[in-house]
């Protein structure tokens, strides 16, 4: 087993959550900005973790074979059918 696979297999969930947050926000918990190299490496670690440890099937997530899950428009419509994004109340006159 390669060293990176061992790191991913033994990575605590809390570390993954911090890496995911850093990849999404572009900064660490303390507010310091990630360098370009840190962004690249953090994103790679997040993607490896998702591929190896999470069984994700959501749109644009990494599947367990390391491939990007892309749902069709019909699949997305079916997934979100009946869910409203926003509701507006009619104003009383």
PDB file of N, CA and C in Angstrom:
ATOM      1  N   UNK A   1       0.854  -1.181   0.000  1.00  0.00           N
ATOM      2  CA  UNK A   1       0.000   0.000   0.000  1.00  0.00           C
ATOM      3  C   UNK A   1       0.901   1.245   0.000  1.00  0.00           C
ATOM      4  N   UNK A   2       0.553   2.191  -0.849  1.00  0.00           N
ATOM      5  CA  UNK A   2       1.367   3.403  -0.902  1.00  0.00           C
ATOM      6  C   UNK A   2       1.115   4.267   0.335  1.00  0.00           C
ATOM      7  N   UNK A   3       2.040   5.161   0.591  1.00  0.00           N
ATOM      8  CA  UNK A   3       1.941   6.031   1.769  1.00  0.00           C
ATOM      9  C   UNK A   3       0.676   6.886   1.752  1.00  0.00           C
ATOM     10  N   UNK A   4       0.293   7.410   0.567  1.00  0.00           N
ATOM     11  CA  UNK A   4      -0.888   8.276   0.501  1.00  0.00           C
ATOM     12  C   UNK A   4      -2.151   7.487   0.810  1.00  0.00           C
ATOM     13  N   UNK A   5      -2.217   6.237   0.363  1.00  0.00           N
ATOM     14  CA  UNK A   5      -3.385   5.406   0.670  1.00  0.00           C
ATOM     15  C   UNK A   5      -3.483   5.150   2.166  1.00  0.00           C
ATOM     16  N   UNK A   6      -2.355   4.942   2.807  1.00  0.00           N
ATOM     17  CA  UNK A   6      -2.341   4.729   4.251  1.00  0.00           C
ATOM     18  C   UNK A   6      -2.805   5.990   4.973  1.00  0.00           C
ATOM     19  N   UNK A   7      -2.342   7.140   4.508  1.00  0.00           N
ATOM     20  CA  UNK A   7      -2.754   8.417   5.109  1.00  0.00           C
ATOM     21  C   UNK A   7      -4.263   8.580   4.995  1.00  0.00           C
ATOM     22  N   UNK A   8      -4.809   8.309   3.824  1.00  0.00           N
ATOM     23  CA  UNK A   8      -6.248   8.454   3.604  1.00  0.00           C
ATOM     24  C   UNK A   8      -7.027   7.456   4.457  1.00  0.00           C
ATOM     25  N   UNK A   9      -6.575   6.218   4.486  1.00  0.00           N
ATOM     26  CA  UNK A   9      -7.273   5.180   5.254  1.00  0.00           C
ATOM     27  C   UNK A   9      -7.284   5.466   6.752  1.00  0.00           C
ATOM     28  N   UNK A  10      -6.254   6.123   7.249  1.00  0.00           N
ATOM     29  CA  UNK A  10      -6.138   6.391   8.686  1.00  0.00           C
ATOM     30  C   UNK A  10      -6.562   7.817   9.074  1.00  0.00           C
ATOM     31  N   UNK A  11      -6.972   8.614   8.083  1.00  0.00           N
ATOM     32  CA  UNK A  11      -7.327  10.007   8.353  1.00  0.00           C
ATOM     33  C   UNK A  11      -8.613  10.093   9.182  1.00  0.00           C
ATOM     34  N   UNK A  12      -8.556  10.792  10.322  1.00  0.00           N
ATOM     35  CA  UNK A  12      -9.767  10.986  11.126  1.00  0.00           C
ATOM     36  C   UNK A  12     -10.791  11.849  10.373  1.00  0.00           C
ATOM     37  N   UNK A  13     -12.055  11.629  10.654  1.00  0.00           N
ATOM     38  CA  UNK A  13     -13.124  12.398  10.004  1.00  0.00           C
ATOM     39  C   UNK A  13     -12.969  13.899  10.228  1.00  0.00           C
ATOM     40  N   UNK A  14     -12.469  14.290  11.415  1.00  0.00           N
ATOM     41  CA  UNK A  14     -12.305  15.712  11.725  1.00  0.00           C
ATOM     42  C   UNK A  14     -11.273  16.364  10.805  1.00  0.00           C
ATOM     43  N   UNK A  15     -10.220  15.630  10.488  1.00  0.00           N
ATOM     44  CA  UNK A  15      -9.185  16.170   9.589  1.00  0.00           C
ATOM     45  C   UNK A  15      -9.771  16.353   8.193  1.00  0.00           C
ATOM     46  N   UNK A  16     -10.541  15.359   7.740  1.00  0.00           N
ATOM     47  CA  UNK A  16     -11.199  15.483   6.433  1.00  0.00           C
ATOM     48  C   UNK A  16     -12.104  16.710   6.411  1.00  0.00           C
ATOM     49  N   UNK A  17     -12.883  16.914   7.465  1.00  0.00           N
ATOM     50  CA  UNK A  17     -13.797  18.053   7.525  1.00  0.00           C
ATOM     51  C   UNK A  17     -13.034  19.373   7.432  1.00  0.00           C
ATOM     52  N   UNK A  18     -11.889  19.456   8.088  1.00  0.00           N
ATOM     53  CA  UNK A  18     -11.078  20.687   8.025  1.00  0.00           C
ATOM     54  C   UNK A  18     -10.480  20.891   6.632  1.00  0.00           C
ATOM     55  N   UNK A  19     -10.024  19.800   6.026  1.00  0.00           N
ATOM     56  CA  UNK A  19      -9.487  19.896   4.665  1.00  0.00           C
ATOM     57  C   UNK A  19     -10.579  20.303   3.680  1.00  0.00           C
ATOM     58  N   UNK A  20     -11.758  19.726   3.837  1.00  0.00           N
ATOM     59  CA  UNK A  20     -12.882  20.062   2.965  1.00  0.00           C
ATOM     60  C   UNK A  20     -13.238  21.540   3.094  1.00  0.00           C
ATOM     61  N   UNK A  21     -13.305  22.028   4.322  1.00  0.00           N
ATOM     62  CA  UNK A  21     -13.604  23.439   4.556  1.00  0.00           C
ATOM     63  C   UNK A  21     -12.537  24.333   3.922  1.00  0.00           C
ATOM     64  N   UNK A  22     -11.278  23.959   4.095  1.00  0.00           N
ATOM     65  CA  UNK A  22     -10.182  24.751   3.516  1.00  0.00           C
ATOM     66  C   UNK A  22     -10.264  24.754   1.992  1.00  0.00           C
ATOM     67  N   UNK A  23     -10.589  23.602   1.400  1.00  0.00           N
ATOM     68  CA  UNK A  23     -10.699  23.523  -0.057  1.00  0.00           C
ATOM     69  C   UNK A  23     -11.867  24.376  -0.555  1.00  0.00           C
ATOM     70  N   UNK A  24     -12.973  24.377   0.172  1.00  0.00           N
ATOM     71  CA  UNK A  24     -14.149  25.151  -0.231  1.00  0.00           C
ATOM     72  C   UNK A  24     -13.954  26.650  -0.057  1.00  0.00           C
ATOM     73  N   UNK A  25     -13.333  27.046   1.060  1.00  0.00           N
ATOM     74  CA  UNK A  25     -13.208  28.473   1.389  1.00  0.00           C
ATOM     75  C   UNK A  25     -11.911  29.115   0.919  1.00  0.00           C
ATOM     76  N   UNK A  26     -10.889  28.278   0.683  1.00  0.00           N
ATOM     77  CA  UNK A  26      -9.595  28.814   0.274  1.00  0.00           C
ATOM     78  C   UNK A  26      -8.775  29.357   1.428  1.00  0.00           C
ATOM     79  N   UNK A  27      -9.179  29.005   2.655  1.00  0.00           N
ATOM     80  CA  UNK A  27      -8.417  29.438   3.821  1.00  0.00           C
ATOM     81  C   UNK A  27      -8.576  28.416   4.939  1.00  0.00           C
ATOM     82  N   UNK A  28      -7.607  28.432   5.859  1.00  0.00           N
ATOM     83  CA  UNK A  28      -7.622  27.528   6.996  1.00  0.00           C
ATOM     84  C   UNK A  28      -8.559  28.050   8.064  1.00  0.00           C
ATOM     85  N   UNK A  29      -8.796  27.239   9.085  1.00  0.00           N
ATOM     86  CA  UNK A  29      -9.687  27.636  10.192  1.00  0.00           C
ATOM     87  C   UNK A  29      -9.267  28.938  10.855  1.00  0.00           C
ATOM     88  N   UNK A  30      -7.951  29.197  10.900  1.00  0.00           N
ATOM     89  CA  UNK A  30      -7.458  30.412  11.550  1.00  0.00           C
ATOM     90  C   UNK A  30      -7.541  31.643  10.652  1.00  0.00           C
ATOM     91  N   UNK A  31      -8.044  31.460   9.419  1.00  0.00           N
ATOM     92  CA  UNK A  31      -8.222  32.579   8.502  1.00  0.00           C
ATOM     93  C   UNK A  31      -7.083  32.794   7.531  1.00  0.00           C
ATOM     94  N   UNK A  32      -5.963  32.082   7.708  1.00  0.00           N
ATOM     95  CA  UNK A  32      -4.851  32.269   6.778  1.00  0.00           C
ATOM     96  C   UNK A  32      -5.184  31.623   5.430  1.00  0.00           C
ATOM     97  N   UNK A  33      -4.827  32.318   4.368  1.00  0.00           N
ATOM     98  CA  UNK A  33      -5.158  31.908   3.007  1.00  0.00           C
ATOM     99  C   UNK A  33      -4.233  30.790   2.551  1.00  0.00           C
ATOM    100  N   UNK A  34      -4.823  29.811   1.851  1.00  0.00           N
ATOM    101  CA  UNK A  34      -4.029  28.711   1.295  1.00  0.00           C
ATOM    102  C   UNK A  34      -3.207  29.212   0.108  1.00  0.00           C
ATOM    103  N   UNK A  35      -1.981  28.741   0.011  1.00  0.00           N
ATOM    104  CA  UNK A  35      -1.175  29.036  -1.167  1.00  0.00           C
ATOM    105  C   UNK A  35      -1.729  28.206  -2.331  1.00  0.00           C
ATOM    106  N   UNK A  36      -1.306  28.492  -3.535  1.00  0.00           N
ATOM    107  CA  UNK A  36      -1.759  27.725  -4.699  1.00  0.00           C
ATOM    108  C   UNK A  36      -1.410  26.247  -4.541  1.00  0.00           C
ATOM    109  N   UNK A  37      -0.214  25.974  -4.027  1.00  0.00           N
ATOM    110  CA  UNK A  37       0.211  24.591  -3.814  1.00  0.00           C
ATOM    111  C   UNK A  37      -0.655  23.906  -2.756  1.00  0.00           C
ATOM    112  N   UNK A  38      -0.973  24.622  -1.687  1.00  0.00           N
ATOM    113  CA  UNK A  38      -1.822  24.067  -0.633  1.00  0.00           C
ATOM    114  C   UNK A  38      -3.232  23.791  -1.160  1.00  0.00           C
ATOM    115  N   UNK A  39      -3.758  24.707  -1.995  1.00  0.00           N
ATOM    116  CA  UNK A  39      -5.088  24.498  -2.585  1.00  0.00           C
ATOM    117  C   UNK A  39      -5.110  23.209  -3.400  1.00  0.00           C
ATOM    118  N   UNK A  40      -4.109  23.039  -4.231  1.00  0.00           N
ATOM    119  CA  UNK A  40      -4.033  21.860  -5.088  1.00  0.00           C
ATOM    120  C   UNK A  40      -3.926  20.580  -4.263  1.00  0.00           C
ATOM    121  N   UNK A  41      -3.042  20.571  -3.290  1.00  0.00           N
ATOM    122  CA  UNK A  41      -2.839  19.375  -2.469  1.00  0.00           C
ATOM    123  C   UNK A  41      -4.052  19.079  -1.594  1.00  0.00           C
ATOM    124  N   UNK A  42      -4.674  20.110  -1.051  1.00  0.00           N
ATOM    125  CA  UNK A  42      -5.847  19.935  -0.213  1.00  0.00           C
ATOM    126  C   UNK A  42      -6.996  19.352  -1.024  1.00  0.00           C
ATOM    127  N   UNK A  43      -7.214  19.873  -2.207  1.00  0.00           N
ATOM    128  CA  UNK A  43      -8.273  19.363  -3.070  1.00  0.00           C
ATOM    129  C   UNK A  43      -8.020  17.906  -3.449  1.00  0.00           C
ATOM    130  N   UNK A  44      -6.773  17.572  -3.737  1.00  0.00           N
ATOM    131  CA  UNK A  44      -6.434  16.182  -4.065  1.00  0.00           C
ATOM    132  C   UNK A  44      -6.710  15.255  -2.884  1.00  0.00           C
ATOM    133  N   UNK A  45      -6.350  15.674  -1.676  1.00  0.00           N
ATOM    134  CA  UNK A  45      -6.617  14.859  -0.490  1.00  0.00           C
ATOM    135  C   UNK A  45      -8.110  14.675  -0.264  1.00  0.00           C
ATOM    136  N   UNK A  46      -8.875  15.734  -0.440  1.00  0.00           N
ATOM    137  CA  UNK A  46     -10.322  15.656  -0.274  1.00  0.00           C
ATOM    138  C   UNK A  46     -10.914  14.667  -1.288  1.00  0.00           C
ATOM    139  N   UNK A  47     -10.479  14.767  -2.527  1.00  0.00           N
ATOM    140  CA  UNK A  47     -11.002  13.878  -3.571  1.00  0.00           C
ATOM    141  C   UNK A  47     -10.601  12.420  -3.320  1.00  0.00           C
ATOM    142  N   UNK A  48      -9.386  12.195  -2.874  1.00  0.00           N
ATOM    143  CA  UNK A  48      -8.953  10.836  -2.551  1.00  0.00           C
ATOM    144  C   UNK A  48      -9.759  10.265  -1.385  1.00  0.00           C
ATOM    145  N   UNK A  49      -9.981  11.076  -0.367  1.00  0.00           N
ATOM    146  CA  UNK A  49     -10.766  10.650   0.789  1.00  0.00           C
ATOM    147  C   UNK A  49     -12.181  10.279   0.344  1.00  0.00           C
ATOM    148  N   UNK A  50     -12.786  11.141  -0.473  1.00  0.00           N
ATOM    149  CA  UNK A  50     -14.142  10.882  -0.944  1.00  0.00           C
ATOM    150  C   UNK A  50     -14.208   9.597  -1.760  1.00  0.00           C
ATOM    151  N   UNK A  51     -13.221   9.377  -2.599  1.00  0.00           N
ATOM    152  CA  UNK A  51     -13.214   8.186  -3.453  1.00  0.00           C
ATOM    153  C   UNK A  51     -13.003   6.910  -2.642  1.00  0.00           C
ATOM    154  N   UNK A  52     -12.150   6.964  -1.638  1.00  0.00           N
ATOM    155  CA  UNK A  52     -11.807   5.757  -0.874  1.00  0.00           C
ATOM    156  C   UNK A  52     -12.719   5.493   0.319  1.00  0.00           C
ATOM    157  N   UNK A  53     -13.227   6.538   0.948  1.00  0.00           N
ATOM    158  CA  UNK A  53     -13.920   6.351   2.232  1.00  0.00           C
ATOM    159  C   UNK A  53     -15.413   6.640   2.187  1.00  0.00           C
ATOM    160  N   UNK A  54     -15.869   7.443   1.254  1.00  0.00           N
ATOM    161  CA  UNK A  54     -17.279   7.808   1.213  1.00  0.00           C
ATOM    162  C   UNK A  54     -17.960   7.128   0.024  1.00  0.00           C
ATOM    163  N   UNK A  55     -19.143   6.673   0.230  1.00  0.00           N
ATOM    164  CA  UNK A  55     -19.905   6.061  -0.851  1.00  0.00           C
ATOM    165  C   UNK A  55     -20.901   7.102  -1.352  1.00  0.00           C
ATOM    166  N   UNK A  56     -20.403   8.020  -2.147  1.00  0.00           N
ATOM    167  CA  UNK A  56     -21.216   9.149  -2.582  1.00  0.00           C
ATOM    168  C   UNK A  56     -21.838   8.879  -3.941  1.00  0.00           C
ATOM    169  N   UNK A  57     -23.072   9.320  -4.074  1.00  0.00           N
ATOM    170  CA  UNK A  57     -23.752   9.200  -5.358  1.00  0.00           C
ATOM    171  C   UNK A  57     -24.334  10.538  -5.806  1.00  0.00           C
ATOM    172  N   UNK A  58     -24.110  11.597  -5.023  1.00  0.00           N
ATOM    173  CA  UNK A  58     -24.626  12.915  -5.368  1.00  0.00           C
ATOM    174  C   UNK A  58     -23.927  13.468  -6.605  1.00  0.00           C
ATOM    175  N   UNK A  59     -24.599  14.414  -7.255  1.00  0.00           N
ATOM    176  CA  UNK A  59     -24.083  15.068  -8.449  1.00  0.00           C
ATOM    177  C   UNK A  59     -22.759  15.780  -8.151  1.00  0.00           C
ATOM    178  N   UNK A  60     -21.794  15.598  -9.006  1.00  0.00           N
ATOM    179  CA  UNK A  60     -20.460  16.213  -8.908  1.00  0.00           C
ATOM    180  C   UNK A  60     -19.718  15.859  -7.627  1.00  0.00           C
ATOM    181  N   UNK A  61     -19.867  14.626  -7.171  1.00  0.00           N
ATOM    182  CA  UNK A  61     -19.043  14.109  -6.092  1.00  0.00           C
ATOM    183  C   UNK A  61     -18.173  13.002  -6.671  1.00  0.00           C
ATOM    184  N   UNK A  62     -17.181  12.590  -5.921  1.00  0.00           N
ATOM    185  CA  UNK A  62     -16.277  11.547  -6.375  1.00  0.00           C
ATOM    186  C   UNK A  62     -16.811  10.196  -5.911  1.00  0.00           C
ATOM    187  N   UNK A  63     -17.026   9.285  -6.861  1.00  0.00           N
ATOM    188  CA  UNK A  63     -17.518   7.955  -6.544  1.00  0.00           C
ATOM    189  C   UNK A  63     -16.409   7.056  -6.040  1.00  0.00           C
ATOM    190  N   UNK A  64     -16.787   5.849  -5.583  1.00  0.00           N
ATOM    191  CA  UNK A  64     -15.797   4.950  -4.993  1.00  0.00           C
ATOM    192  C   UNK A  64     -14.817   4.375  -6.005  1.00  0.00           C
ATOM    193  N   UNK A  65     -15.043   4.552  -7.277  1.00  0.00           N
ATOM    194  CA  UNK A  65     -14.078   4.128  -8.291  1.00  0.00           C
ATOM    195  C   UNK A  65     -13.169   5.290  -8.720  1.00  0.00           C
ATOM    196  N   UNK A  66     -13.310   6.423  -8.049  1.00  0.00           N
ATOM    197  CA  UNK A  66     -12.492   7.588  -8.364  1.00  0.00           C
ATOM    198  C   UNK A  66     -13.019   8.407  -9.526  1.00  0.00           C
ATOM    199  N   UNK A  67     -14.235   8.107  -9.959  1.00  0.00           N
ATOM    200  CA  UNK A  67     -14.825   8.834 -11.072  1.00  0.00           C
ATOM    201  C   UNK A  67     -15.794   9.887 -10.560  1.00  0.00           C
ATOM    202  N   UNK A  68     -16.003  10.904 -11.354  1.00  0.00           N
ATOM    203  CA  UNK A  68     -16.920  11.987 -11.009  1.00  0.00           C
ATOM    204  C   UNK A  68     -18.345  11.529 -11.282  1.00  0.00           C
ATOM    205  N   UNK A  69     -19.207  11.644 -10.268  1.00  0.00           N
ATOM    206  CA  UNK A  69     -20.624  11.307 -10.446  1.00  0.00           C
ATOM    207  C   UNK A  69     -21.305  12.478 -11.143  1.00  0.00           C
ATOM    208  N   UNK A  70     -21.847  12.219 -12.310  1.00  0.00           N
ATOM    209  CA  UNK A  70     -22.592  13.237 -13.037  1.00  0.00           C
ATOM    210  C   UNK A  70     -23.984  12.691 -13.308  1.00  0.00           C
ATOM    211  N   UNK A  71     -24.969  13.319 -12.712  1.00  0.00           N
ATOM    212  CA  UNK A  71     -26.344  12.889 -12.905  1.00  0.00           C
ATOM    213  C   UNK A  71     -26.949  13.612 -14.097  1.00  0.00           C
ATOM    214  N   UNK A  72     -27.824  12.917 -14.803  1.00  0.00           N
ATOM    215  CA  UNK A  72     -28.499  13.539 -15.936  1.00  0.00           C
ATOM    216  C   UNK A  72     -29.528  14.544 -15.425  1.00  0.00           C
ATOM    217  N   UNK A  73     -30.007  15.374 -16.320  1.00  0.00           N
ATOM    218  CA  UNK A  73     -31.013  16.363 -15.956  1.00  0.00           C
ATOM    219  C   UNK A  73     -32.263  15.660 -15.420  1.00  0.00           C
ATOM    220  N   UNK A  74     -32.649  14.554 -16.030  1.00  0.00           N
ATOM    221  CA  UNK A  74     -33.825  13.796 -15.591  1.00  0.00           C
ATOM    222  C   UNK A  74     -33.617  13.234 -14.176  1.00  0.00           C
ATOM    223  N   UNK A  75     -32.396  12.734 -13.904  1.00  0.00           N
ATOM    224  CA  UNK A  75     -32.097  12.200 -12.568  1.00  0.00           C
ATOM    225  C   UNK A  75     -32.138  13.302 -11.511  1.00  0.00           C
ATOM    226  N   UNK A  76     -31.619  14.470 -11.850  1.00  0.00           N
ATOM    227  CA  UNK A  76     -31.649  15.595 -10.916  1.00  0.00           C
ATOM    228  C   UNK A  76     -33.078  16.056 -10.645  1.00  0.00           C
ATOM    229  N   UNK A  77     -33.898  16.121 -11.715  1.00  0.00           N
ATOM    230  CA  UNK A  77     -35.297  16.514 -11.535  1.00  0.00           C
ATOM    231  C   UNK A  77     -36.014  15.532 -10.623  1.00  0.00           C
ATOM    232  N   UNK A  78     -35.763  14.252 -10.831  1.00  0.00           N
ATOM    233  CA  UNK A  78     -36.389  13.217 -10.013  1.00  0.00           C
ATOM    234  C   UNK A  78     -35.941  13.342  -8.554  1.00  0.00           C
ATOM    235  N   UNK A  79     -34.659  13.619  -8.359  1.00  0.00           N
ATOM    236  CA  UNK A  79     -34.103  13.739  -7.009  1.00  0.00           C
ATOM    237  C   UNK A  79     -34.730  14.911  -6.250  1.00  0.00           C
ATOM    238  N   UNK A  80     -34.981  15.999  -6.940  1.00  0.00           N
ATOM    239  CA  UNK A  80     -35.480  17.202  -6.278  1.00  0.00           C
ATOM    240  C   UNK A  80     -36.974  17.439  -6.484  1.00  0.00           C
ATOM    241  N   UNK A  81     -37.678  16.487  -7.051  1.00  0.00           N
ATOM    242  CA  UNK A  81     -39.106  16.636  -7.308  1.00  0.00           C
ATOM    243  C   UNK A  81     -39.856  16.857  -5.990  1.00  0.00           C
ATOM    244  N   UNK A  82     -40.686  17.860  -5.984  1.00  0.00           N
ATOM    245  CA  UNK A  82     -41.500  18.132  -4.813  1.00  0.00           C
ATOM    246  C   UNK A  82     -40.834  19.035  -3.787  1.00  0.00           C
ATOM    247  N   UNK A  83     -39.536  19.280  -3.926  1.00  0.00           N
ATOM    248  CA  UNK A  83     -38.854  20.171  -2.983  1.00  0.00           C
ATOM    249  C   UNK A  83     -38.895  21.594  -3.516  1.00  0.00           C
ATOM    250  N   UNK A  84     -39.386  22.505  -2.704  1.00  0.00           N
ATOM    251  CA  UNK A  84     -39.399  23.891  -3.141  1.00  0.00           C
ATOM    252  C   UNK A  84     -38.140  24.592  -2.641  1.00  0.00           C
ATOM    253  N   UNK A  85     -37.634  25.468  -3.442  1.00  0.00           N
ATOM    254  CA  UNK A  85     -36.433  26.215  -3.082  1.00  0.00           C
ATOM    255  C   UNK A  85     -36.803  27.421  -2.231  1.00  0.00           C
ATOM    256  N   UNK A  86     -37.895  28.075  -2.602  1.00  0.00           N
ATOM    257  CA  UNK A  86     -38.334  29.262  -1.878  1.00  0.00           C
ATOM    258  C   UNK A  86     -39.842  29.341  -1.916  1.00  0.00           C
ATOM    259  N   UNK A  87     -40.418  29.971  -0.952  1.00  0.00           N
ATOM    260  CA  UNK A  87     -41.854  30.178  -0.924  1.00  0.00           C
ATOM    261  C   UNK A  87     -42.125  31.666  -0.701  1.00  0.00           C
ATOM    262  N   UNK A  88     -43.065  32.177  -1.428  1.00  0.00           N
ATOM    263  CA  UNK A  88     -43.420  33.579  -1.316  1.00  0.00           C
ATOM    264  C   UNK A  88     -44.828  33.692  -0.755  1.00  0.00           C
ATOM    265  N   UNK A  89     -45.008  34.620   0.165  1.00  0.00           N
ATOM    266  CA  UNK A  89     -46.335  34.854   0.710  1.00  0.00           C
ATOM    267  C   UNK A  89     -46.947  36.058   0.010  1.00  0.00           C
ATOM    268  N   UNK A  90     -48.215  35.916  -0.313  1.00  0.00           N
ATOM    269  CA  UNK A  90     -48.929  37.046  -0.933  1.00  0.00           C
ATOM    270  C   UNK A  90     -49.164  38.093   0.147  1.00  0.00           C
ATOM    271  N   UNK A  91     -48.870  39.321  -0.208  1.00  0.00           N
ATOM    272  CA  UNK A  91     -49.083  40.402   0.752  1.00  0.00           C
ATOM    273  C   UNK A  91     -50.569  40.734   0.832  1.00  0.00           C
ATOM    274  N   UNK A  92     -51.010  40.992   2.040  1.00  0.00           N
ATOM    275  CA  UNK A  92     -52.406  41.377   2.219  1.00  0.00           C
ATOM    276  C   UNK A  92     -52.576  42.837   1.822  1.00  0.00           C
ATOM    277  N   UNK A  93     -53.627  43.116   1.074  1.00  0.00           N
ATOM    278  CA  UNK A  93     -53.886  44.489   0.624  1.00  0.00           C
ATOM    279  C   UNK A  93     -54.916  45.150   1.465  1.00  0.00           C
TER     280      UNK A  93
END
